[in-house]
C-alpha atoms as a PDB file:
ATOM      1  CA  MET A   1     108.807  82.693  95.471  1.00  0.00           C
ATOM      2  CA  GLY A   2     108.559  78.906  95.873  1.00  0.00           C
ATOM      3  CA  GLY A   3     106.936  76.137  93.886  1.00  0.00           C
ATOM      4  CA  GLY A   4     107.592  73.312  91.529  1.00  0.00           C
ATOM      5  CA  PHE A   5     109.131  75.407  88.673  1.00  0.00           C
ATOM      6  CA  HIS A   6     112.539  75.142  87.108  1.00  0.00           C
ATOM      7  CA  LYS A   7     112.738  78.632  85.509  1.00  0.00           C
ATOM      8  CA  THR A   8     111.602  82.062  86.280  1.00  0.00           C
ATOM      9  CA  GLY A   9     111.945  84.612  83.506  1.00  0.00           C
ATOM     10  CA  ASN A  10     115.217  83.850  81.728  1.00  0.00           C
ATOM     11  CA  VAL A  11     116.855  82.434  84.957  1.00  0.00           C
ATOM     12  CA  TRP A  12     117.070  78.714  85.508  1.00  0.00           C
ATOM     13  CA  ASN A  13     116.426  78.265  89.205  1.00  0.00           C
ATOM     14  CA  SER A  14     114.386  75.347  90.382  1.00  0.00           C
ATOM     15  CA  TYR A  15     111.910  75.519  93.165  1.00  0.00           C
ATOM     16  CA  LEU A  16     112.928  78.894  94.689  1.00  0.00           C
ATOM     17  CA  SER A  17     113.423  82.309  93.259  1.00  0.00           C
ATOM     18  CA  LYS A  18     113.740  85.927  94.477  1.00  0.00           C
ATOM     19  CA  TRP A  19     112.841  89.171  92.900  1.00  0.00           C
ATOM     20  CA  ASN A  20     115.564  91.882  93.103  1.00  0.00           C
ATOM     21  CA  GLY A  21     113.300  94.743  92.156  1.00  0.00           C
ATOM     22  CA  THR A  22     114.034  94.579  88.432  1.00  0.00           C
ATOM     23  CA  SER A  23     114.184  90.840  87.503  1.00  0.00           C
ATOM     24  CA  TRP A  24     114.113  87.239  88.965  1.00  0.00           C
ATOM     25  CA  ASP A  25     117.275  86.012  90.486  1.00  0.00           C
ATOM     26  CA  SER A  26     118.520  82.787  92.053  1.00  0.00           C
ATOM     27  CA  LEU A  27     119.795  82.256  95.568  1.00  0.00           C
ATOM     28  CA  PRO A  28     123.337  81.239  96.269  1.00  0.00           C
ATOM     29  CA  GLU A  29     122.194  77.712  97.006  1.00  0.00           C
ATOM     30  CA  ASN A  30     118.747  76.103  96.491  1.00  0.00           C
ATOM     31  CA  VAL A  31     116.542  73.360  97.821  1.00  0.00           C
ATOM     32  CA  ASN A  32     116.328  70.095  95.774  1.00  0.00           C
ATOM     33  CA  GLY A  33     112.519  69.632  95.803  1.00  0.00           C
ATOM     34  CA  ILE A  34     109.168  71.205  95.561  1.00  0.00           C
ATOM     35  CA  VAL A  35     108.451  74.260  97.930  1.00  0.00           C
ATOM     36  CA  TYR A  36     104.958  74.404  99.406  1.00  0.00           C
ATOM     37  CA  GLY A  37     105.245  77.664 101.131  1.00  0.00           C
ATOM     38  CA  LEU A  38     107.373  80.483 102.598  1.00  0.00           C
ATOM     39  CA  GLU A  39     106.841  82.259 105.986  1.00  0.00           C
ATOM     40  CA  THR A  40     108.770  85.150 107.524  1.00  0.00           C
ATOM     41  CA  ILE A  41     109.574  84.469 111.275  1.00  0.00           C
ATOM     42  CA  ASN A  42     111.850  86.610 113.326  1.00  0.00           C
ATOM     43  CA  ASN A  43     113.419  88.241 110.210  1.00  0.00           C
ATOM     44  CA  SER A  44     114.304  84.984 108.723  1.00  0.00           C
ATOM     45  CA  LEU A  45     112.552  83.241 105.781  1.00  0.00           C
ATOM     46  CA  TYR A  46     111.326  79.732 106.481  1.00  0.00           C
ATOM     47  CA  VAL A  47     111.080  77.524 103.410  1.00  0.00           C
ATOM     48  CA  PHE A  48     109.062  74.359 103.601  1.00  0.00           C
ATOM     49  CA  GLY A  49     108.259  71.602 101.167  1.00  0.00           C
ATOM     50  CA  ASN A  50     109.247  68.195  99.838  1.00  0.00           C
ATOM     51  CA  PHE A  51     113.012  68.464  99.864  1.00  0.00           C
ATOM     52  CA  ASP A  52     115.852  66.870 101.917  1.00  0.00           C
ATOM     53  CA  SER A  53     118.725  69.399 101.326  1.00  0.00           C
ATOM     54  CA  VAL A  54     119.570  72.983 100.465  1.00  0.00           C
ATOM     55  CA  GLY A  55     122.989  73.234  98.725  1.00  0.00           C
ATOM     56  CA  THR A  56     125.107  70.661 100.487  1.00  0.00           C
ATOM     57  CA  ILE A  57     123.265  70.946 103.868  1.00  0.00           C
ATOM     58  CA  ALA A  58     120.837  68.178 104.831  1.00  0.00           C
ATOM     59  CA  ALA A  59     117.414  69.770 105.365  1.00  0.00           C
ATOM     60  CA  ASP A  60     114.386  67.740 106.413  1.00  0.00           C
ATOM     61  CA  ARG A  61     111.565  69.547 104.554  1.00  0.00           C
ATOM     62  CA  ILE A  62     112.402  72.898 106.290  1.00  0.00           C
ATOM     63  CA  ALA A  63     115.182  75.359 105.550  1.00  0.00           C
ATOM     64  CA  ILE A  64     115.803  78.811 106.976  1.00  0.00           C
ATOM     65  CA  TRP A  65     117.402  81.682 104.996  1.00  0.00           C
ATOM     66  CA  ASP A  66     118.561  84.757 106.941  1.00  0.00           C
ATOM     67  CA  GLY A  67     119.527  86.703 103.861  1.00  0.00           C
ATOM     68  CA  ILE A  68     123.137  85.526 103.865  1.00  0.00           C
ATOM     69  CA  ILE A  69     123.316  81.850 104.898  1.00  0.00           C
ATOM     70  CA  TRP A  70     121.038  78.756 105.187  1.00  0.00           C
ATOM     71  CA  SER A  71     120.353  77.044 108.496  1.00  0.00           C
ATOM     72  CA  VAL A  72     118.120  74.081 109.355  1.00  0.00           C
ATOM     73  CA  LEU A  73     116.070  72.538 112.167  1.00  0.00           C
ATOM     74  CA  PRO A  74     116.662  69.053 113.581  1.00  0.00           C
ATOM     75  CA  PRO A  75     114.908  66.256 111.467  1.00  0.00           C
ATOM     76  CA  LEU A  76     111.132  66.127 112.082  1.00  0.00           C
ATOM     77  CA  PRO A  77     110.259  62.861 113.628  1.00  0.00           C
ATOM     78  CA  ALA A  78     107.019  62.577 111.580  1.00  0.00           C
ATOM     79  CA  SER A  79     106.755  61.339 107.984  1.00  0.00           C
ATOM     80  CA  GLY A  80     104.698  63.048 105.183  1.00  0.00           C
ATOM     81  CA  GLN A  81     104.295  66.528 103.862  1.00  0.00           C
ATOM     82  CA  VAL A  82     104.796  69.830 105.735  1.00  0.00           C
ATOM     83  CA  THR A  83     102.461  72.440 104.129  1.00  0.00           C
ATOM     84  CA  GLU A  84     102.060  75.027 106.698  1.00  0.00           C
ATOM     85  CA  ILE A  85     104.361  76.818 109.397  1.00  0.00           C
ATOM     86  CA  ILE A  86     103.880  79.542 112.016  1.00  0.00           C
ATOM     87  CA  GLU A  87     105.484  80.957 115.094  1.00  0.00           C
ATOM     88  CA  TYR A  88     103.324  80.964 118.323  1.00  0.00           C
ATOM     89  CA  GLN A  89     104.519  81.796 121.808  1.00  0.00           C
ATOM     90  CA  GLY A  90     108.145  81.612 120.685  1.00  0.00           C
ATOM     91  CA  GLU A  91     107.877  78.124 119.269  1.00  0.00           C
ATOM     92  CA  ILE A  92     107.693  76.961 115.592  1.00  0.00           C
ATOM     93  CA  TYR A  93     104.536  75.001 114.640  1.00  0.00           C
ATOM     94  CA  VAL A  94     104.344  72.942 111.463  1.00  0.00           C
ATOM     95  CA  GLY A  95     101.301  71.170 110.044  1.00  0.00           C
ATOM     96  CA  GLY A  96     100.553  69.035 107.025  1.00  0.00           C
ATOM     97  CA  ASN A  97      99.617  65.506 106.055  1.00  0.00           C
ATOM     98  CA  MET A  98     102.045  63.961 108.611  1.00  0.00           C
ATOM     99  CA  GLU A  99     102.242  60.578 110.308  1.00  0.00           C
ATOM    100  CA  ALA A 100     103.600  60.125 113.877  1.00  0.00           C
ATOM    101  CA  GLN A 101     106.589  57.946 114.456  1.00  0.00           C
ATOM    102  CA  ASN A 102     106.901  55.518 117.423  1.00  0.00           C
ATOM    103  CA  GLY A 103     103.783  56.769 118.966  1.00  0.00           C
ATOM    104  CA  ASN A 104     104.955  60.357 119.495  1.00  0.00           C
ATOM    105  CA  ASN A 105     101.594  61.902 118.666  1.00  0.00           C
ATOM    106  CA  MET A 106     103.067  64.150 115.907  1.00  0.00           C
ATOM    107  CA  THR A 107     100.382  63.354 113.398  1.00  0.00           C
ATOM    108  CA  SER A 108      99.305  66.344 111.291  1.00  0.00           C
ATOM    109  CA  ILE A 109     100.977  68.893 113.625  1.00  0.00           C
ATOM    110  CA  ALA A 110     104.140  69.314 115.766  1.00  0.00           C
ATOM    111  CA  LYS A 111     106.053  72.119 117.297  1.00  0.00           C
ATOM    112  CA  PHE A 112     109.762  72.954 117.744  1.00  0.00           C
ATOM    113  CA  ASN A 113     110.642  74.383 121.170  1.00  0.00           C
ATOM    114  CA  GLY A 114     114.068  75.714 120.188  1.00  0.00           C
ATOM    115  CA  THR A 115     115.773  72.448 120.977  1.00  0.00           C
ATOM    116  CA  ASN A 116     113.475  69.489 120.401  1.00  0.00           C
ATOM    117  CA  TRP A 117     110.362  68.589 118.399  1.00  0.00           C
ATOM    118  CA  GLU A 118     107.270  68.097 120.611  1.00  0.00           C
ATOM    119  CA  ALA A 119     103.699  66.877 120.080  1.00  0.00           C
ATOM    120  CA  VAL A 120     100.734  69.411 120.116  1.00  0.00           C
ATOM    121  CA  GLY A 121      98.169  67.674 122.226  1.00  0.00           C
ATOM    122  CA  THR A 122      97.439  64.338 120.694  1.00  0.00           C
ATOM    123  CA  GLY A 123      97.564  65.580 117.022  1.00  0.00           C
ATOM    124  CA  PHE A 124      94.910  64.990 114.549  1.00  0.00           C
ATOM    125  CA  VAL A 125      94.447  61.488 113.209  1.00  0.00           C
ATOM    126  CA  GLY A 126      92.410  59.639 110.638  1.00  0.00           C
ATOM    127  CA  GLY A 127      92.837  58.453 107.016  1.00  0.00           C
ATOM    128  CA  LEU A 128      92.454  62.009 105.580  1.00  0.00           C
ATOM    129  CA  ALA A 129      93.624  63.909 108.644  1.00  0.00           C
ATOM    130  CA  ASN A 130      95.580  66.981 107.513  1.00  0.00           C
ATOM    131  CA  VAL A 131      96.506  70.381 108.917  1.00  0.00           C
ATOM    132  CA  ILE A 132      96.153  72.962 106.173  1.00  0.00           C
ATOM    133  CA  ASP A 133      96.298  76.426 107.804  1.00  0.00           C
ATOM    134  CA  PHE A 134      97.299  78.243 111.045  1.00  0.00           C
ATOM    135  CA  GLU A 135      96.057  81.687 112.225  1.00  0.00           C
ATOM    136  CA  ILE A 136      96.535  83.496 115.485  1.00  0.00           C
ATOM    137  CA  TYR A 137      93.272  85.083 116.822  1.00  0.00           C
ATOM    138  CA  ASN A 138      92.586  86.560 120.220  1.00  0.00           C
ATOM    139  CA  GLY A 139      95.879  85.166 121.585  1.00  0.00           C
ATOM    140  CA  GLU A 140      95.178  81.562 120.591  1.00  0.00           C
ATOM    141  CA  LEU A 141      96.494  79.430 117.611  1.00  0.00           C
ATOM    142  CA  TYR A 142      93.600  78.407 115.427  1.00  0.00           C
ATOM    143  CA  ILE A 143      94.332  75.296 113.438  1.00  0.00           C
ATOM    144  CA  ALA A 144      92.253  74.312 110.307  1.00  0.00           C
ATOM    145  CA  GLY A 145      92.251  71.299 107.984  1.00  0.00           C
ATOM    146  CA  GLU A 146      90.518  68.040 107.687  1.00  0.00           C
ATOM    147  CA  TRP A 147      89.641  65.719 110.552  1.00  0.00           C
ATOM    148  CA  THR A 148      86.712  64.311 112.447  1.00  0.00           C
ATOM    149  CA  ALA A 149      85.984  65.097 116.200  1.00  0.00           C
ATOM    150  CA  GLY A 150      86.401  62.195 118.558  1.00  0.00           C
ATOM    151  CA  VAL A 151      88.464  59.924 116.216  1.00  0.00           C
ATOM    152  CA  GLY A 152      91.555  58.989 118.093  1.00  0.00           C
ATOM    153  CA  GLY A 153      91.112  61.869 120.512  1.00  0.00           C
ATOM    154  CA  ASN A 154      90.741  64.574 117.860  1.00  0.00           C
ATOM    155  CA  VAL A 155      89.239  67.864 119.071  1.00  0.00           C
ATOM    156  CA  GLY A 156      86.770  69.737 116.917  1.00  0.00           C
ATOM    157  CA  ASN A 157      85.603  69.152 113.325  1.00  0.00           C
ATOM    158  CA  ASN A 158      88.230  70.463 110.985  1.00  0.00           C
ATOM    159  CA  ILE A 159      89.168  73.392 113.202  1.00  0.00           C
ATOM    160  CA  ALA A 160      90.440  73.709 116.801  1.00  0.00           C
ATOM    161  CA  ARG A 161      92.255  76.299 118.850  1.00  0.00           C
ATOM    162  CA  TRP A 162      95.312  75.862 121.069  1.00  0.00           C
ATOM    163  CA  ASP A 163      96.422  78.181 123.926  1.00  0.00           C
ATOM    164  CA  GLY A 164      99.823  76.569 124.341  1.00  0.00           C
ATOM    165  CA  THR A 165      98.541  73.878 126.804  1.00  0.00           C
ATOM    166  CA  THR A 166      95.040  72.904 125.909  1.00  0.00           C
ATOM    167  CA  MET A 167      93.292  72.033 122.569  1.00  0.00           C
ATOM    168  CA  ARG A 168      89.687  73.253 122.401  1.00  0.00           C
ATOM    169  CA  ASP A 169      86.812  73.064 120.038  1.00  0.00           C
ATOM    170  CA  VAL A 170      85.689  76.055 117.897  1.00  0.00           C
ATOM    171  CA  GLY A 171      81.898  76.146 118.041  1.00  0.00           C
ATOM    172  CA  GLY A 172      81.325  72.690 116.696  1.00  0.00           C
ATOM    173  CA  GLY A 173      83.460  73.164 113.600  1.00  0.00           C
ATOM    174  CA  SER A 174      82.423  72.503 109.963  1.00  0.00           C
ATOM    175  CA  SER A 175      80.320  69.879 108.354  1.00  0.00           C
ATOM    176  CA  GLY A 176      79.283  68.700 104.925  1.00  0.00           C
ATOM    177  CA  VAL A 177      79.924  65.809 102.520  1.00  0.00           C
ATOM    178  CA  THR A 178      83.404  67.295 102.018  1.00  0.00           C
ATOM    179  CA  SER A 179      84.065  69.684 105.049  1.00  0.00           C
ATOM    180  CA  ALA A 180      87.655  70.621 105.057  1.00  0.00           C
ATOM    181  CA  ILE A 181      88.670  74.187 106.056  1.00  0.00           C
ATOM    182  CA  TRP A 182      91.367  75.557 103.646  1.00  0.00           C
ATOM    183  CA  ASP A 183      92.026  79.047 104.874  1.00  0.00           C
ATOM    184  CA  LEU A 184      91.721  81.285 107.951  1.00  0.00           C
ATOM    185  CA  GLU A 185      92.185  85.139 107.969  1.00  0.00           C
ATOM    186  CA  VAL A 186      91.601  87.668 110.652  1.00  0.00           C
ATOM    187  CA  HIS A 187      90.057  91.013 109.889  1.00  0.00           C
ATOM    188  CA  ASN A 188      88.419  93.801 112.075  1.00  0.00           C
ATOM    189  CA  GLY A 189      88.396  91.502 115.132  1.00  0.00           C
ATOM    190  CA  LYS A 190      86.716  88.437 113.353  1.00  0.00           C
ATOM    191  CA  LEU A 191      88.089  85.173 112.029  1.00  0.00           C
ATOM    192  CA  TYR A 192      87.059  84.259 108.471  1.00  0.00           C
ATOM    193  CA  ALA A 193      87.140  80.634 107.393  1.00  0.00           C
ATOM    194  CA  GLY A 194      86.915  79.308 103.820  1.00  0.00           C
ATOM    195  CA  GLY A 195      86.798  75.813 102.566  1.00  0.00           C
ATOM    196  CA  TYR A 196      84.473  73.192 101.101  1.00  0.00           C
ATOM    197  CA  PHE A 197      82.026  72.971 104.042  1.00  0.00           C
ATOM    198  CA  THR A 198      78.282  73.565 103.863  1.00  0.00           C
ATOM    199  CA  SER A 199      77.682  74.559 107.459  1.00  0.00           C
ATOM    200  CA  MET A 200      79.445  75.644 110.688  1.00  0.00           C
ATOM    201  CA  ASP A 201      77.874  74.086 113.770  1.00  0.00           C
ATOM    202  CA  SER A 202      74.168  74.473 113.071  1.00  0.00           C
ATOM    203  CA  ILE A 203      74.583  77.541 110.818  1.00  0.00           C
ATOM    204  CA  SER A 204      74.183  77.030 107.041  1.00  0.00           C
ATOM    205  CA  ALA A 205      77.316  78.624 105.495  1.00  0.00           C
ATOM    206  CA  LEU A 206      78.349  77.464 102.054  1.00  0.00           C
ATOM    207  CA  ARG A 207      82.176  77.582 101.844  1.00  0.00           C
ATOM    208  CA  LEU A 208      82.565  80.839 103.923  1.00  0.00           C
ATOM    209  CA  ALA A 209      81.907  81.614 107.489  1.00  0.00           C
ATOM    210  CA  VAL A 210      82.830  84.045 110.269  1.00  0.00           C
ATOM    211  CA  TRP A 211      83.897  83.359 113.869  1.00  0.00           C
ATOM    212  CA  ASN A 212      83.338  86.336 116.174  1.00  0.00           C
ATOM    213  CA  GLY A 213      85.109  84.752 119.245  1.00  0.00           C
ATOM    214  CA  SER A 214      82.030  83.003 120.561  1.00  0.00           C
ATOM    215  CA  GLN A 215      79.877  81.836 117.649  1.00  0.00           C
ATOM    216  CA  TRP A 216      79.881  81.011 113.976  1.00  0.00           C
ATOM    217  CA  CYS A 217      78.098  83.349 111.578  1.00  0.00           C
ATOM    218  CA  ALA A 218      77.096  83.141 107.905  1.00  0.00           C
ATOM    219  CA  THR A 219      77.770  85.790 105.263  1.00  0.00           C
ATOM    220  CA  ASN A 220      74.576  85.264 103.412  1.00  0.00           C
ATOM    221  CA  ASP A 221      76.511  84.365 100.261  1.00  0.00           C
ATOM    222  CA  ASP A 222      76.585  80.905  98.501  1.00  0.00           C
ATOM    223  CA  PHE A 223      79.733  79.558  96.975  1.00  0.00           C
ATOM    224  CA  TYR A 224      79.307  76.403  94.945  1.00  0.00           C
ATOM    225  CA  SER A 225      83.097  75.662  94.653  1.00  0.00           C
ATOM    226  CA  ILE A 226      85.846  75.522  97.274  1.00  0.00           C
ATOM    227  CA  VAL A 227      87.084  78.843  98.928  1.00  0.00           C
ATOM    228  CA  ARG A 228      90.879  78.310  98.936  1.00  0.00           C
ATOM    229  CA  GLU A 229      92.309  81.708  99.905  1.00  0.00           C
ATOM    230  CA  ILE A 230      90.930  84.739 101.779  1.00  0.00           C
ATOM    231  CA  ALA A 231      92.723  88.022 101.946  1.00  0.00           C
ATOM    232  CA  PHE A 232      92.036  91.695 102.817  1.00  0.00           C
ATOM    233  CA  TYR A 233      93.646  94.507 100.939  1.00  0.00           C
ATOM    234  CA  GLN A 234      92.842  98.122 101.633  1.00  0.00           C
ATOM    235  CA  ASP A 235      89.857  96.934 103.708  1.00  0.00           C
ATOM    236  CA  THR A 236      88.544  94.968 100.668  1.00  0.00           C
ATOM    237  CA  MET A 237      87.949  91.294 100.710  1.00  0.00           C
ATOM    238  CA  TYR A 238      89.459  89.082  98.085  1.00  0.00           C
ATOM    239  CA  ILE A 239      88.798  85.366  97.631  1.00  0.00           C
ATOM    240  CA  GLY A 240      90.662  82.883  95.472  1.00  0.00           C
ATOM    241  CA  SER A 241      88.717  79.914  94.188  1.00  0.00           C
ATOM    242  CA  GLY A 242      88.245  77.988  91.024  1.00  0.00           C
ATOM    243  CA  ASN A 243      85.293  77.712  88.619  1.00  0.00           C
ATOM    244  CA  ASN A 244      82.985  79.228  91.255  1.00  0.00           C
ATOM    245  CA  VAL A 245      79.346  80.059  91.158  1.00  0.00           C
ATOM    246  CA  ILE A 246      78.291  82.659  93.772  1.00  0.00           C
ATOM    247  CA  ASN A 247      74.695  83.295  94.430  1.00  0.00           C
ATOM    248  CA  GLY A 248      73.822  81.628  91.178  1.00  0.00           C
ATOM    249  CA  ASP A 249      76.216  83.619  88.948  1.00  0.00           C
ATOM    250  CA  THR A 250      79.478  82.247  87.461  1.00  0.00           C
ATOM    251  CA  VAL A 251      82.587  84.236  88.452  1.00  0.00           C
ATOM    252  CA  ALA A 252      86.261  84.332  87.909  1.00  0.00           C
ATOM    253  CA  ASP A 253      88.924  82.392  89.937  1.00  0.00           C
ATOM    254  CA  LEU A 254      89.770  85.597  91.803  1.00  0.00           C
ATOM    255  CA  ILE A 255      87.006  87.815  93.122  1.00  0.00           C
ATOM    256  CA  LYS A 256      86.538  90.751  95.487  1.00  0.00           C
ATOM    257  CA  TRP A 257      83.629  92.153  97.513  1.00  0.00           C
ATOM    258  CA  VAL A 258      82.400  95.298  95.947  1.00  0.00           C
ATOM    259  CA  GLY A 259      79.204  95.933  97.979  1.00  0.00           C
ATOM    260  CA  GLY A 260      80.615  98.306 100.545  1.00  0.00           C
ATOM    261  CA  THR A 261      81.530  97.105 104.146  1.00  0.00           C
ATOM    262  CA  PHE A 262      81.409  93.307 104.170  1.00  0.00           C
ATOM    263  CA  GLY A 263      78.688  91.992 106.525  1.00  0.00           C
ATOM    264  CA  ASP A 264      77.553  88.781 108.153  1.00  0.00           C
ATOM    265  CA  THR A 265      74.928  87.561 110.506  1.00  0.00           C
ATOM    266  CA  CYS A 266      77.087  88.446 113.533  1.00  0.00           C
ATOM    267  CA  GLY A 267      76.081  92.016 113.299  1.00  0.00           C
ATOM    268  CA  ALA A 268      74.485  94.686 111.053  1.00  0.00           C
ATOM    269  CA  VAL A 269      75.299  94.528 107.347  1.00  0.00           C
ATOM    270  CA  VAL A 270      76.441  98.080 106.485  1.00  0.00           C
ATOM    271  CA  GLY A 271      75.552  99.195 103.017  1.00  0.00           C
ATOM    272  CA  ILE A 272      72.998  96.469 102.342  1.00  0.00           C
ATOM    273  CA  ASN A 273      69.430  97.188 103.272  1.00  0.00           C
ATOM    274  CA  ASN A 274      68.152  93.629 103.054  1.00  0.00           C
ATOM    275  CA  PRO A 275      67.346  92.072 106.428  1.00  0.00           C
ATOM    276  CA  VAL A 276      69.230  88.963 107.498  1.00  0.00           C
ATOM    277  CA  PRO A 277      67.005  85.915 107.185  1.00  0.00           C
ATOM    278  CA  GLU A 278      66.453  83.961 110.311  1.00  0.00           C
ATOM    279  CA  THR A 279      67.126  80.769 108.483  1.00  0.00           C
ATOM    280  CA  GLN A 280      70.113  80.319 106.117  1.00  0.00           C
ATOM    281  CA  HIS A 281      69.338  78.680 102.811  1.00  0.00           C
ATOM    282  CA  SER A 282      70.824  78.479  99.307  1.00  0.00           C
ATOM    283  CA  VAL A 283      69.707  77.720  95.762  1.00  0.00           C
ATOM    284  CA  LEU A 284      72.582  77.146  93.384  1.00  0.00           C
ATOM    285  CA  ILE A 285      72.951  76.196  89.676  1.00  0.00           C
ATOM    286  CA  TYR A 286      76.036  74.349  88.512  1.00  0.00           C
ATOM    287  CA  PRO A 287      77.465  74.853  85.918  1.00  0.00           C
ATOM    288  CA  ASN A 288      76.246  78.294  84.909  1.00  0.00           C
ATOM    289  CA  PRO A 289      76.338  79.076  82.051  1.00  0.00           C
ATOM    290  CA  ASN A 290      75.635  75.579  80.733  1.00  0.00           C
ATOM    291  CA  ASN A 291      74.514  73.581  77.601  1.00  0.00           C
ATOM    292  CA  GLY A 292      71.183  72.715  79.124  1.00  0.00           C
ATOM    293  CA  ILE A 293      72.274  69.841  81.375  1.00  0.00           C
ATOM    294  CA  PHE A 294      73.019  71.132  84.936  1.00  0.00           C
ATOM    295  CA  THR A 295      72.313  70.501  88.564  1.00  0.00           C
ATOM    296  CA  LEU A 296      70.025  72.616  90.810  1.00  0.00           C
ATOM    297  CA  VAL A 297      71.324  72.454  94.416  1.00  0.00           C
ATOM    298  CA  ILE A 298      68.745  73.380  97.102  1.00  0.00           C
ATOM    299  CA  ASP A 299      69.890  73.579 100.721  1.00  0.00           C
ATOM    300  CA  GLY A 300      68.247  74.447 104.016  1.00  0.00           C
ATOM    301  CA  ILE A 301      64.669  75.140 102.858  1.00  0.00           C
ATOM    302  CA  GLY A 302      63.158  72.127 104.827  1.00  0.00           C
ATOM    303  CA  LYS A 303      61.439  68.948 104.030  1.00  0.00           C
ATOM    304  CA  ASP A 304      58.550  69.885 101.797  1.00  0.00           C
ATOM    305  CA  GLU A 305      56.914  69.369  98.316  1.00  0.00           C
ATOM    306  CA  THR A 306      58.824  71.957  96.295  1.00  0.00           C
ATOM    307  CA  GLN A 307      57.854  73.242  92.828  1.00  0.00           C
ATOM    308  CA  ILE A 308      60.647  73.919  90.231  1.00  0.00           C
ATOM    309  CA  ASN A 309      59.575  76.174  87.425  1.00  0.00           C
ATOM    310  CA  VAL A 310      61.740  77.277  84.424  1.00  0.00           C
ATOM    311  CA  LEU A 311      60.607  80.606  82.845  1.00  0.00           C
ATOM    312  CA  ASP A 312      61.883  82.347  79.772  1.00  0.00           C
ATOM    313  CA  VAL A 313      62.662  86.130  79.550  1.00  0.00           C
ATOM    314  CA  ALA A 314      58.931  86.829  78.832  1.00  0.00           C
ATOM    315  CA  GLY A 315      57.811  84.941  81.962  1.00  0.00           C
ATOM    316  CA  LYS A 316      56.552  81.962  79.985  1.00  0.00           C
ATOM    317  CA  LEU A 317      56.640  78.586  81.768  1.00  0.00           C
ATOM    318  CA  VAL A 318      58.850  76.333  79.642  1.00  0.00           C
ATOM    319  CA  LEU A 319      59.564  73.544  82.104  1.00  0.00           C
ATOM    320  CA  ASN A 320      58.369  72.405  85.527  1.00  0.00           C
ATOM    321  CA  ASN A 321      58.978  69.755  88.038  1.00  0.00           C
ATOM    322  CA  THR A 322      58.001  68.833  91.662  1.00  0.00           C
ATOM    323  CA  VAL A 323      60.446  67.340  94.161  1.00  0.00           C
ATOM    324  CA  ILE A 324      60.519  66.573  97.790  1.00  0.00           C
ATOM    325  CA  THR A 325      63.352  68.603  99.284  1.00  0.00           C
ATOM    326  CA  SER A 326      65.103  67.536 102.538  1.00  0.00           C
ATOM    327  CA  ASN A 327      66.195  69.434 105.657  1.00  0.00           C
ATOM    328  CA  THR A 328      69.780  69.487 104.278  1.00  0.00           C
ATOM    329  CA  GLU A 329      70.874  69.416 100.639  1.00  0.00           C
ATOM    330  CA  THR A 330      68.755  68.309  97.722  1.00  0.00           C
ATOM    331  CA  ARG A 331      70.366  67.881  94.302  1.00  0.00           C
ATOM    332  CA  VAL A 332      68.058  68.051  91.248  1.00  0.00           C
ATOM    333  CA  PRO A 333      69.280  67.139  87.740  1.00  0.00           C
ATOM    334  CA  ILE A 334      67.867  69.483  85.051  1.00  0.00           C
ATOM    335  CA  ASP A 335      67.550  68.644  81.340  1.00  0.00           C
ATOM    336  CA  ALA A 336      66.938  71.872  79.371  1.00  0.00           C
ATOM    337  CA  MET A 337      68.637  70.726  76.176  1.00  0.00           C
ATOM    338  CA  ASN A 338      65.535  71.312  74.111  1.00  0.00           C
ATOM    339  CA  LEU A 339      65.351  75.015  75.073  1.00  0.00           C
ATOM    340  CA  ALA A 340      66.792  77.720  72.798  1.00  0.00           C
ATOM    341  CA  LYS A 341      70.004  79.431  73.872  1.00  0.00           C
ATOM    342  CA  GLY A 342      69.382  82.432  76.131  1.00  0.00           C
ATOM    343  CA  VAL A 343      68.697  83.608  79.642  1.00  0.00           C
ATOM    344  CA  TYR A 344      66.093  81.745  81.863  1.00  0.00           C
ATOM    345  CA  VAL A 345      64.927  82.005  85.438  1.00  0.00           C
ATOM    346  CA  ILE A 346      64.256  79.042  87.680  1.00  0.00           C
ATOM    347  CA  GLN A 347      61.715  79.579  90.356  1.00  0.00           C
ATOM    348  CA  VAL A 348      61.941  77.437  93.508  1.00  0.00           C
ATOM    349  CA  LYS A 349      58.974  77.607  95.841  1.00  0.00           C
ATOM    350  CA  ASN A 350      56.953  75.620  98.480  1.00  0.00           C
ATOM    351  CA  ASN A 351      54.822  76.618 101.435  1.00  0.00           C
ATOM    352  CA  THR A 352      57.514  78.496 103.286  1.00  0.00           C
ATOM    353  CA  PHE A 353      59.996  79.385 100.548  1.00  0.00           C
ATOM    354  CA  ASN A 354      60.174  81.284  97.214  1.00  0.00           C
ATOM    355  CA  SER A 355      63.334  82.185  95.356  1.00  0.00           C
ATOM    356  CA  ASN A 356      64.369  82.849  91.768  1.00  0.00           C
ATOM    357  CA  ILE A 357      67.736  82.276  90.250  1.00  0.00           C
ATOM    358  CA  LYS A 358      69.013  82.958  86.716  1.00  0.00           C
ATOM    359  CA  PHE A 359      70.941  80.628  84.397  1.00  0.00           C
ATOM    360  CA  ILE A 360      72.348  80.961  80.852  1.00  0.00           C
ATOM    361  CA  LYS A 361      72.002  78.350  78.235  1.00  0.00           C
ATOM    362  CA  GLN A 362      74.733  78.512  75.588  1.00  0.00           C
END
């Protein structure tokens, strides 16, 4: 386990600790700075983070533990943080918020060929450019993070794929006010992407989307907050987030899919009888529950005069408003401070759309 800690259990062991089956234990020697991640490659444990030594050995942000001794790679000729690492086609790829040195194109991404560090294409540049995650899918290395297509030769918007020679776009990539992709996960022949985006290419997909090898697809679920981690355990999907609202309901930081086989618009949704809508849309409330002051987020319902009605549990109209929604996202501040505590329903409707969403005033 790696991180920024200085003690695990009763053992003082900064930044790196191991579990021996009974208790936490320290390694013979340790790194001298924060560990961002661990990755097993060729039966060795790669440790990466913000450190420059392991024990008495100089280690430029990466150290390798084989179970007995430490080894290191040559210094990485790019400044900044290394926050992800993977092995692809026999080479070690690293990503992060990195800046190239002397024009070597190792911005945000680089690879080690066994002897030297090399650029991967022209890298990914820009003020916020950052590689956050790697995943191998259909024989290609998929690279996710935050960058803008076309800037400095960047390929793709926040996601690209690399076959060892050529960098290519992935269906147009993600978009939104903040459109970074934080995590990629492969399951049952599809690539799942989570982040803070609102769409993939022209498909409305709030924070979670699926790539089937040729197109992006939505999951018909609306996440208000960022999707940071995706994992599948015993064929069940788990998502790590924070302060999230999903389909209008407030949920915990760690959630799992409980509706049977997980579906998306790429194919039939097994276990759910509702048809997939031709147009993806969303209505969200944040925060929920709330004290009566909250924001209604309406996305993808088109430019139209839209009625917003607040109903109590008896169906009585207690608040109403009319707004002009846009083709993208419309945020409507709601003041329900004068309402009594309890459960209410907001009805959002126009000429082509009608949806109800619940909120709780505390």
